[in-house]
Amino acid sequence: MASVQTINLTHLPPDLAVHIALYTDLQNAPFLRDQLLQGNPASEYALIDASVIVSTTHVLAAVFRAANDYQNGRLKSRNVHSEIVLSLGANNNIAQSLRAFGITATTTHLLAIKLSTNPSITASTVSEHLTTSVEGTEVDFSDATLAEMADVGKIRKLYKLSGVVGEADAKGKRRRKDGSEEGSGVDVVGSEAGNAGNGAEEERKELEVAVLGLMALRGAV
């Protein structure tokens, strides 16, 4: 069966558990998308293109927002799972969010999320359904795995963050506020590979902060 990770988010009822599975090399994205669009109750998940997710915190922030709105009767979309996709966006346009963050016919990295909105939804039932529905390779739901999948350029474009301070160039070097490169002059420490690796990780962290800030602003309106 599919390896599903179950998470209980702080400040949410214990029975509103979050079940998450992450896949790569997805082979049947068109089928999964069609099932979702047809409103098949068994396929009611948040199906997210993992290439536009920065980190576990990024997606779990959207889950928390959607679950909280579900609990308080404030959903702006059809159900709590579509609300998760909406919550990833920087505005309240559900169609735009579904296009930007939801599964597409060409998705190869997939996050499947299901909330226990009733007692019949458990880690076991979710795992059984995903095993028979998803054709892909299961991988660990972790920051390291998501970092390998993330299309940083696309994420910056979706959130309109291109050119912000801290963006790494093609060599992994980053820009200070004055426009000069980090890793030059007295800043040279270690190898080129080390500088590139550190730059990429710092960029990811700064991108996460920026994205979460935009999502919070969307939630305030």
C-alpha atoms as a PDB file:
ATOM      1  CA  MET A   1       0.000   0.000   0.000  1.00  0.00           C
ATOM      2  CA  ALA A   2       0.964   3.635  -0.433  1.00  0.00           C
ATOM      3  CA  SER A   3       3.108   5.108   2.321  1.00  0.00           C
ATOM      4  CA  VAL A   4       0.944   7.873   3.783  1.00  0.00           C
ATOM      5  CA  GLN A   5       2.238  10.265   6.422  1.00  0.00           C
ATOM      6  CA  THR A   6      -0.365  11.376   8.954  1.00  0.00           C
ATOM      7  CA  ILE A   7       0.083  14.734  10.674  1.00  0.00           C
ATOM      8  CA  ASN A   8      -1.909  16.374  13.456  1.00  0.00           C
ATOM      9  CA  LEU A   9      -1.472  20.125  13.157  1.00  0.00           C
ATOM     10  CA  THR A  10      -1.300  22.242  16.298  1.00  0.00           C
ATOM     11  CA  HIS A  11      -4.492  24.193  17.097  1.00  0.00           C
ATOM     12  CA  LEU A  12      -6.648  21.856  15.013  1.00  0.00           C
ATOM     13  CA  PRO A  13      -8.867  19.092  16.473  1.00  0.00           C
ATOM     14  CA  PRO A  14      -6.993  15.767  16.812  1.00  0.00           C
ATOM     15  CA  ASP A  15      -9.648  14.017  14.737  1.00  0.00           C
ATOM     16  CA  LEU A  16      -9.013  16.365  11.792  1.00  0.00           C
ATOM     17  CA  ALA A  17      -5.854  14.523  10.802  1.00  0.00           C
ATOM     18  CA  VAL A  18      -3.912  15.380   7.647  1.00  0.00           C
ATOM     19  CA  HIS A  19      -2.854  12.474   5.418  1.00  0.00           C
ATOM     20  CA  ILE A  20      -0.095  13.235   2.901  1.00  0.00           C
ATOM     21  CA  ALA A  21       1.657  11.215   0.209  1.00  0.00           C
ATOM     22  CA  LEU A  22       4.364  12.469  -2.151  1.00  0.00           C
ATOM     23  CA  TYR A  23       5.142  10.929  -5.531  1.00  0.00           C
ATOM     24  CA  THR A  24       7.637  11.376  -8.315  1.00  0.00           C
ATOM     25  CA  ASP A  25       7.643   9.928 -11.853  1.00  0.00           C
ATOM     26  CA  LEU A  26       3.851  10.217 -11.969  1.00  0.00           C
ATOM     27  CA  GLN A  27       2.463   8.333 -14.973  1.00  0.00           C
ATOM     28  CA  ASN A  28      -1.296   8.964 -14.861  1.00  0.00           C
ATOM     29  CA  ALA A  29      -1.716  12.674 -14.172  1.00  0.00           C
ATOM     30  CA  PRO A  30      -4.431  13.115 -16.863  1.00  0.00           C
ATOM     31  CA  PHE A  31      -6.585  10.387 -15.258  1.00  0.00           C
ATOM     32  CA  LEU A  32      -6.231  11.823 -11.743  1.00  0.00           C
ATOM     33  CA  ARG A  33      -7.023  15.323 -12.968  1.00  0.00           C
ATOM     34  CA  ASP A  34     -10.118  14.089 -14.813  1.00  0.00           C
ATOM     35  CA  GLN A  35     -11.377  12.286 -11.699  1.00  0.00           C
ATOM     36  CA  LEU A  36     -10.971  15.488  -9.737  1.00  0.00           C
ATOM     37  CA  LEU A  37     -12.730  17.639 -12.336  1.00  0.00           C
ATOM     38  CA  GLN A  38     -15.615  15.173 -12.580  1.00  0.00           C
ATOM     39  CA  GLY A  39     -16.218  15.554  -8.857  1.00  0.00           C
ATOM     40  CA  ASN A  40     -15.724  11.875  -8.067  1.00  0.00           C
ATOM     41  CA  PRO A  41     -16.227  11.758  -4.241  1.00  0.00           C
ATOM     42  CA  ALA A  42     -13.612   9.023  -3.858  1.00  0.00           C
ATOM     43  CA  SER A  43     -11.070  11.292  -5.550  1.00  0.00           C
ATOM     44  CA  GLU A  44     -11.666  14.320  -3.335  1.00  0.00           C
ATOM     45  CA  TYR A  45      -8.097  15.239  -2.478  1.00  0.00           C
ATOM     46  CA  ALA A  46      -5.883  18.266  -2.703  1.00  0.00           C
ATOM     47  CA  LEU A  47      -3.778  17.152  -5.669  1.00  0.00           C
ATOM     48  CA  ILE A  48      -0.876  19.583  -5.892  1.00  0.00           C
ATOM     49  CA  ASP A  49       1.963  19.851  -8.383  1.00  0.00           C
ATOM     50  CA  ALA A  50       4.915  19.451  -6.020  1.00  0.00           C
ATOM     51  CA  SER A  51       7.261  21.359  -8.353  1.00  0.00           C
ATOM     52  CA  VAL A  52       5.698  24.616  -7.118  1.00  0.00           C
ATOM     53  CA  ILE A  53       6.104  23.835  -3.420  1.00  0.00           C
ATOM     54  CA  VAL A  54       9.109  25.271  -1.561  1.00  0.00           C
ATOM     55  CA  SER A  55       8.955  23.193   1.622  1.00  0.00           C
ATOM     56  CA  THR A  56       6.807  21.178   4.005  1.00  0.00           C
ATOM     57  CA  THR A  57       6.069  24.392   5.902  1.00  0.00           C
ATOM     58  CA  HIS A  58       4.809  26.029   2.699  1.00  0.00           C
ATOM     59  CA  VAL A  59       2.177  23.391   1.994  1.00  0.00           C
ATOM     60  CA  LEU A  60       1.249  22.767   5.648  1.00  0.00           C
ATOM     61  CA  ALA A  61       0.571  26.483   6.089  1.00  0.00           C
ATOM     62  CA  ALA A  62      -2.003  26.197   3.293  1.00  0.00           C
ATOM     63  CA  VAL A  63      -3.472  23.060   4.888  1.00  0.00           C
ATOM     64  CA  PHE A  64      -3.820  24.810   8.239  1.00  0.00           C
ATOM     65  CA  ARG A  65      -5.495  27.845   6.690  1.00  0.00           C
ATOM     66  CA  ALA A  66      -7.980  25.689   4.774  1.00  0.00           C
ATOM     67  CA  ALA A  67      -8.716  23.419   7.738  1.00  0.00           C
ATOM     68  CA  ASN A  68      -9.262  26.400  10.009  1.00  0.00           C
ATOM     69  CA  ASP A  69     -11.673  27.974   7.515  1.00  0.00           C
ATOM     70  CA  TYR A  70     -13.432  24.615   7.185  1.00  0.00           C
ATOM     71  CA  GLN A  71     -13.872  24.424  10.952  1.00  0.00           C
ATOM     72  CA  ASN A  72     -15.290  27.947  11.070  1.00  0.00           C
ATOM     73  CA  GLY A  73     -17.550  27.742   8.017  1.00  0.00           C
ATOM     74  CA  ARG A  74     -15.508  30.192   5.946  1.00  0.00           C
ATOM     75  CA  LEU A  75     -14.691  28.119   2.852  1.00  0.00           C
ATOM     76  CA  LYS A  76     -14.475  30.133  -0.362  1.00  0.00           C
ATOM     77  CA  SER A  77     -14.318  27.063  -2.614  1.00  0.00           C
ATOM     78  CA  ARG A  78     -16.185  23.780  -3.068  1.00  0.00           C
ATOM     79  CA  ASN A  79     -14.581  21.812  -0.238  1.00  0.00           C
ATOM     80  CA  VAL A  80     -11.664  21.842   2.189  1.00  0.00           C
ATOM     81  CA  HIS A  81      -9.379  20.110  -0.316  1.00  0.00           C
ATOM     82  CA  SER A  82      -9.870  22.669  -3.074  1.00  0.00           C
ATOM     83  CA  GLU A  83      -9.483  25.273  -0.311  1.00  0.00           C
ATOM     84  CA  ILE A  84      -5.959  23.964   0.354  1.00  0.00           C
ATOM     85  CA  VAL A  85      -5.035  24.713  -3.259  1.00  0.00           C
ATOM     86  CA  LEU A  86      -6.668  28.150  -3.004  1.00  0.00           C
ATOM     87  CA  SER A  87      -4.725  28.846   0.200  1.00  0.00           C
ATOM     88  CA  LEU A  88      -1.424  28.366  -1.627  1.00  0.00           C
ATOM     89  CA  GLY A  89      -2.167  31.400  -3.779  1.00  0.00           C
ATOM     90  CA  ALA A  90      -1.478  35.043  -3.099  1.00  0.00           C
ATOM     91  CA  ASN A  91      -5.073  36.050  -3.953  1.00  0.00           C
ATOM     92  CA  ASN A  92      -8.623  34.683  -3.679  1.00  0.00           C
ATOM     93  CA  ASN A  93      -8.955  33.569  -7.309  1.00  0.00           C
ATOM     94  CA  ILE A  94      -9.693  29.829  -7.051  1.00  0.00           C
ATOM     95  CA  ALA A  95      -9.463  29.200 -10.820  1.00  0.00           C
ATOM     96  CA  GLN A  96      -6.047  30.875 -10.942  1.00  0.00           C
ATOM     97  CA  SER A  97      -4.822  28.912  -7.917  1.00  0.00           C
ATOM     98  CA  LEU A  98      -6.013  25.605  -9.383  1.00  0.00           C
ATOM     99  CA  ARG A  99      -4.138  26.344 -12.619  1.00  0.00           C
ATOM    100  CA  ALA A 100      -1.004  27.438 -10.783  1.00  0.00           C
ATOM    101  CA  PHE A 101      -0.762  24.874  -7.992  1.00  0.00           C
ATOM    102  CA  GLY A 102      -3.120  22.022  -8.833  1.00  0.00           C
ATOM    103  CA  ILE A 103      -2.347  18.862 -10.753  1.00  0.00           C
ATOM    104  CA  THR A 104      -2.061  19.277 -14.535  1.00  0.00           C
ATOM    105  CA  ALA A 105      -1.949  16.766 -17.366  1.00  0.00           C
ATOM    106  CA  THR A 106       1.859  17.046 -17.369  1.00  0.00           C
ATOM    107  CA  THR A 107       2.499  16.876 -13.606  1.00  0.00           C
ATOM    108  CA  THR A 108       5.290  14.441 -12.688  1.00  0.00           C
ATOM    109  CA  HIS A 109       5.758  15.333  -8.994  1.00  0.00           C
ATOM    110  CA  LEU A 110       2.546  15.007  -6.987  1.00  0.00           C
ATOM    111  CA  LEU A 111       1.423  15.845  -3.464  1.00  0.00           C
ATOM    112  CA  ALA A 112      -1.824  14.101  -2.507  1.00  0.00           C
ATOM    113  CA  ILE A 113      -3.487  15.458   0.642  1.00  0.00           C
ATOM    114  CA  LYS A 114      -6.640  14.214   2.363  1.00  0.00           C
ATOM    115  CA  LEU A 115      -8.173  15.483   5.613  1.00  0.00           C
ATOM    116  CA  SER A 116     -10.160  13.271   7.968  1.00  0.00           C
ATOM    117  CA  THR A 117     -13.401  15.210   7.579  1.00  0.00           C
ATOM    118  CA  ASN A 118     -15.319  12.145   8.764  1.00  0.00           C
ATOM    119  CA  PRO A 119     -14.394   9.041  10.834  1.00  0.00           C
ATOM    120  CA  SER A 120     -14.292   6.781   7.772  1.00  0.00           C
ATOM    121  CA  ILE A 121     -11.240   8.633   6.414  1.00  0.00           C
ATOM    122  CA  THR A 122      -8.142   7.116   7.988  1.00  0.00           C
ATOM    123  CA  ALA A 123      -4.519   6.632   7.017  1.00  0.00           C
ATOM    124  CA  SER A 124      -5.404   3.088   6.006  1.00  0.00           C
ATOM    125  CA  THR A 125      -8.314   3.994   3.712  1.00  0.00           C
ATOM    126  CA  VAL A 126      -6.333   6.825   2.123  1.00  0.00           C
ATOM    127  CA  SER A 127      -3.370   4.523   1.566  1.00  0.00           C
ATOM    128  CA  GLU A 128      -5.572   1.840   0.003  1.00  0.00           C
ATOM    129  CA  HIS A 129      -7.196   4.320  -2.380  1.00  0.00           C
ATOM    130  CA  LEU A 130      -3.936   5.932  -3.453  1.00  0.00           C
ATOM    131  CA  THR A 131      -2.367   2.522  -4.053  1.00  0.00           C
ATOM    132  CA  THR A 132      -5.062   1.676  -6.595  1.00  0.00           C
ATOM    133  CA  SER A 133      -5.280   5.157  -8.126  1.00  0.00           C
ATOM    134  CA  VAL A 134      -1.812   6.692  -8.375  1.00  0.00           C
ATOM    135  CA  GLU A 135       0.813   5.372 -10.763  1.00  0.00           C
ATOM    136  CA  GLY A 136       4.042   6.833  -9.490  1.00  0.00           C
ATOM    137  CA  THR A 137       7.027   6.330  -7.202  1.00  0.00           C
ATOM    138  CA  GLU A 138       6.434   7.102  -3.547  1.00  0.00           C
ATOM    139  CA  VAL A 139       9.037   9.295  -1.873  1.00  0.00           C
ATOM    140  CA  ASP A 140       9.501  10.808   1.565  1.00  0.00           C
ATOM    141  CA  PHE A 141       7.487  13.937   2.365  1.00  0.00           C
ATOM    142  CA  SER A 142      10.398  16.085   3.531  1.00  0.00           C
ATOM    143  CA  ASP A 143      12.087  19.404   2.872  1.00  0.00           C
ATOM    144  CA  ALA A 144      15.000  17.628   1.200  1.00  0.00           C
ATOM    145  CA  THR A 145      12.756  15.796  -1.270  1.00  0.00           C
ATOM    146  CA  LEU A 146      10.664  18.870  -2.053  1.00  0.00           C
ATOM    147  CA  ALA A 147      13.833  20.911  -2.610  1.00  0.00           C
ATOM    148  CA  GLU A 148      14.892  18.459  -5.324  1.00  0.00           C
ATOM    149  CA  MET A 149      11.489  18.757  -7.014  1.00  0.00           C
ATOM    150  CA  ALA A 150      11.004  22.515  -6.722  1.00  0.00           C
ATOM    151  CA  ASP A 151      11.128  24.679  -9.827  1.00  0.00           C
ATOM    152  CA  VAL A 152      12.372  27.824  -8.093  1.00  0.00           C
ATOM    153  CA  GLY A 153      12.057  30.004 -11.165  1.00  0.00           C
ATOM    154  CA  LYS A 154       8.428  28.991 -11.622  1.00  0.00           C
ATOM    155  CA  ILE A 155       7.657  29.561  -7.935  1.00  0.00           C
ATOM    156  CA  ARG A 156       9.159  33.053  -8.104  1.00  0.00           C
ATOM    157  CA  LYS A 157       7.066  33.801 -11.178  1.00  0.00           C
ATOM    158  CA  LEU A 158       3.837  32.551  -9.580  1.00  0.00           C
ATOM    159  CA  TYR A 159       4.369  34.728  -6.516  1.00  0.00           C
ATOM    160  CA  LYS A 160       5.849  37.612  -8.547  1.00  0.00           C
ATOM    161  CA  LEU A 161       9.131  37.475  -6.646  1.00  0.00           C
ATOM    162  CA  SER A 162      11.619  37.617  -9.541  1.00  0.00           C
ATOM    163  CA  GLY A 163      14.627  39.828  -8.832  1.00  0.00           C
ATOM    164  CA  VAL A 164      14.188  40.046  -5.062  1.00  0.00           C
ATOM    165  CA  VAL A 165      17.230  40.368  -2.784  1.00  0.00           C
ATOM    166  CA  GLY A 166      18.859  37.007  -2.119  1.00  0.00           C
ATOM    167  CA  GLU A 167      18.144  35.415  -5.496  1.00  0.00           C
ATOM    168  CA  ALA A 168      20.966  33.133  -6.599  1.00  0.00           C
ATOM    169  CA  ASP A 169      22.386  33.331 -10.085  1.00  0.00           C
ATOM    170  CA  ALA A 170      23.120  30.371 -12.354  1.00  0.00           C
ATOM    171  CA  LYS A 171      26.394  29.711 -10.507  1.00  0.00           C
ATOM    172  CA  GLY A 172      24.690  29.656  -7.116  1.00  0.00           C
ATOM    173  CA  LYS A 173      26.117  33.069  -6.147  1.00  0.00           C
ATOM    174  CA  ARG A 174      23.845  35.526  -4.396  1.00  0.00           C
ATOM    175  CA  ARG A 175      23.514  39.286  -4.553  1.00  0.00           C
ATOM    176  CA  ARG A 176      23.884  41.712  -1.671  1.00  0.00           C
ATOM    177  CA  LYS A 177      21.639  44.771  -1.459  1.00  0.00           C
ATOM    178  CA  ASP A 178      24.330  46.835  -3.210  1.00  0.00           C
ATOM    179  CA  GLY A 179      24.238  44.442  -6.161  1.00  0.00           C
ATOM    180  CA  SER A 180      27.667  42.872  -5.552  1.00  0.00           C
ATOM    181  CA  GLU A 181      28.132  39.121  -5.496  1.00  0.00           C
ATOM    182  CA  GLU A 182      28.500  37.152  -2.305  1.00  0.00           C
ATOM    183  CA  GLY A 183      31.410  34.755  -2.577  1.00  0.00           C
ATOM    184  CA  SER A 184      33.779  37.403  -3.972  1.00  0.00           C
ATOM    185  CA  GLY A 185      36.753  39.117  -2.306  1.00  0.00           C
ATOM    186  CA  VAL A 186      36.990  38.400   1.449  1.00  0.00           C
ATOM    187  CA  ASP A 187      33.754  36.418   1.257  1.00  0.00           C
ATOM    188  CA  VAL A 188      35.450  33.521  -0.578  1.00  0.00           C
ATOM    189  CA  VAL A 189      35.234  30.510   1.745  1.00  0.00           C
ATOM    190  CA  GLY A 190      35.486  26.905   0.621  1.00  0.00           C
ATOM    191  CA  SER A 191      34.978  25.513  -2.835  1.00  0.00           C
ATOM    192  CA  GLU A 192      32.751  26.698  -5.670  1.00  0.00           C
ATOM    193  CA  ALA A 193      30.482  23.714  -5.011  1.00  0.00           C
ATOM    194  CA  GLY A 194      30.188  24.622  -1.343  1.00  0.00           C
ATOM    195  CA  ASN A 195      29.285  28.210  -2.189  1.00  0.00           C
ATOM    196  CA  ALA A 196      26.672  27.053  -4.680  1.00  0.00           C
ATOM    197  CA  GLY A 197      25.130  24.609  -2.221  1.00  0.00           C
ATOM    198  CA  ASN A 198      24.975  27.131   0.604  1.00  0.00           C
ATOM    199  CA  GLY A 199      23.556  29.751  -1.740  1.00  0.00           C
ATOM    200  CA  ALA A 200      20.795  27.446  -2.924  1.00  0.00           C
ATOM    201  CA  GLU A 201      19.770  26.555   0.636  1.00  0.00           C
ATOM    202  CA  GLU A 202      19.756  30.185   1.753  1.00  0.00           C
ATOM    203  CA  GLU A 203      17.753  31.107  -1.324  1.00  0.00           C
ATOM    204  CA  ARG A 204      15.196  28.409  -0.520  1.00  0.00           C
ATOM    205  CA  LYS A 205      14.808  29.670   3.041  1.00  0.00           C
ATOM    206  CA  GLU A 206      14.381  33.274   1.915  1.00  0.00           C
ATOM    207  CA  LEU A 207      11.918  32.184  -0.751  1.00  0.00           C
ATOM    208  CA  GLU A 208       9.917  30.280   1.866  1.00  0.00           C
ATOM    209  CA  VAL A 209       9.706  33.360   4.081  1.00  0.00           C
ATOM    210  CA  ALA A 210       8.588  35.544   1.173  1.00  0.00           C
ATOM    211  CA  VAL A 211       5.968  33.036   0.022  1.00  0.00           C
ATOM    212  CA  LEU A 212       4.538  32.555   3.512  1.00  0.00           C
ATOM    213  CA  GLY A 213       4.295  36.316   3.893  1.00  0.00           C
ATOM    214  CA  LEU A 214       2.283  36.638   0.687  1.00  0.00           C
ATOM    215  CA  MET A 215      -0.010  33.785   1.730  1.00  0.00           C
ATOM    216  CA  ALA A 216      -0.592  35.466   5.087  1.00  0.00           C
ATOM    217  CA  LEU A 217      -1.508  38.729   3.367  1.00  0.00           C
ATOM    218  CA  ARG A 218      -4.016  36.869   1.203  1.00  0.00           C
ATOM    219  CA  GLY A 219      -5.537  35.367   4.350  1.00  0.00           C
ATOM    220  CA  ALA A 220      -5.978  38.809   5.893  1.00  0.00           C
ATOM    221  CA  VAL A 221      -8.335  40.043   3.163  1.00  0.00           C
END
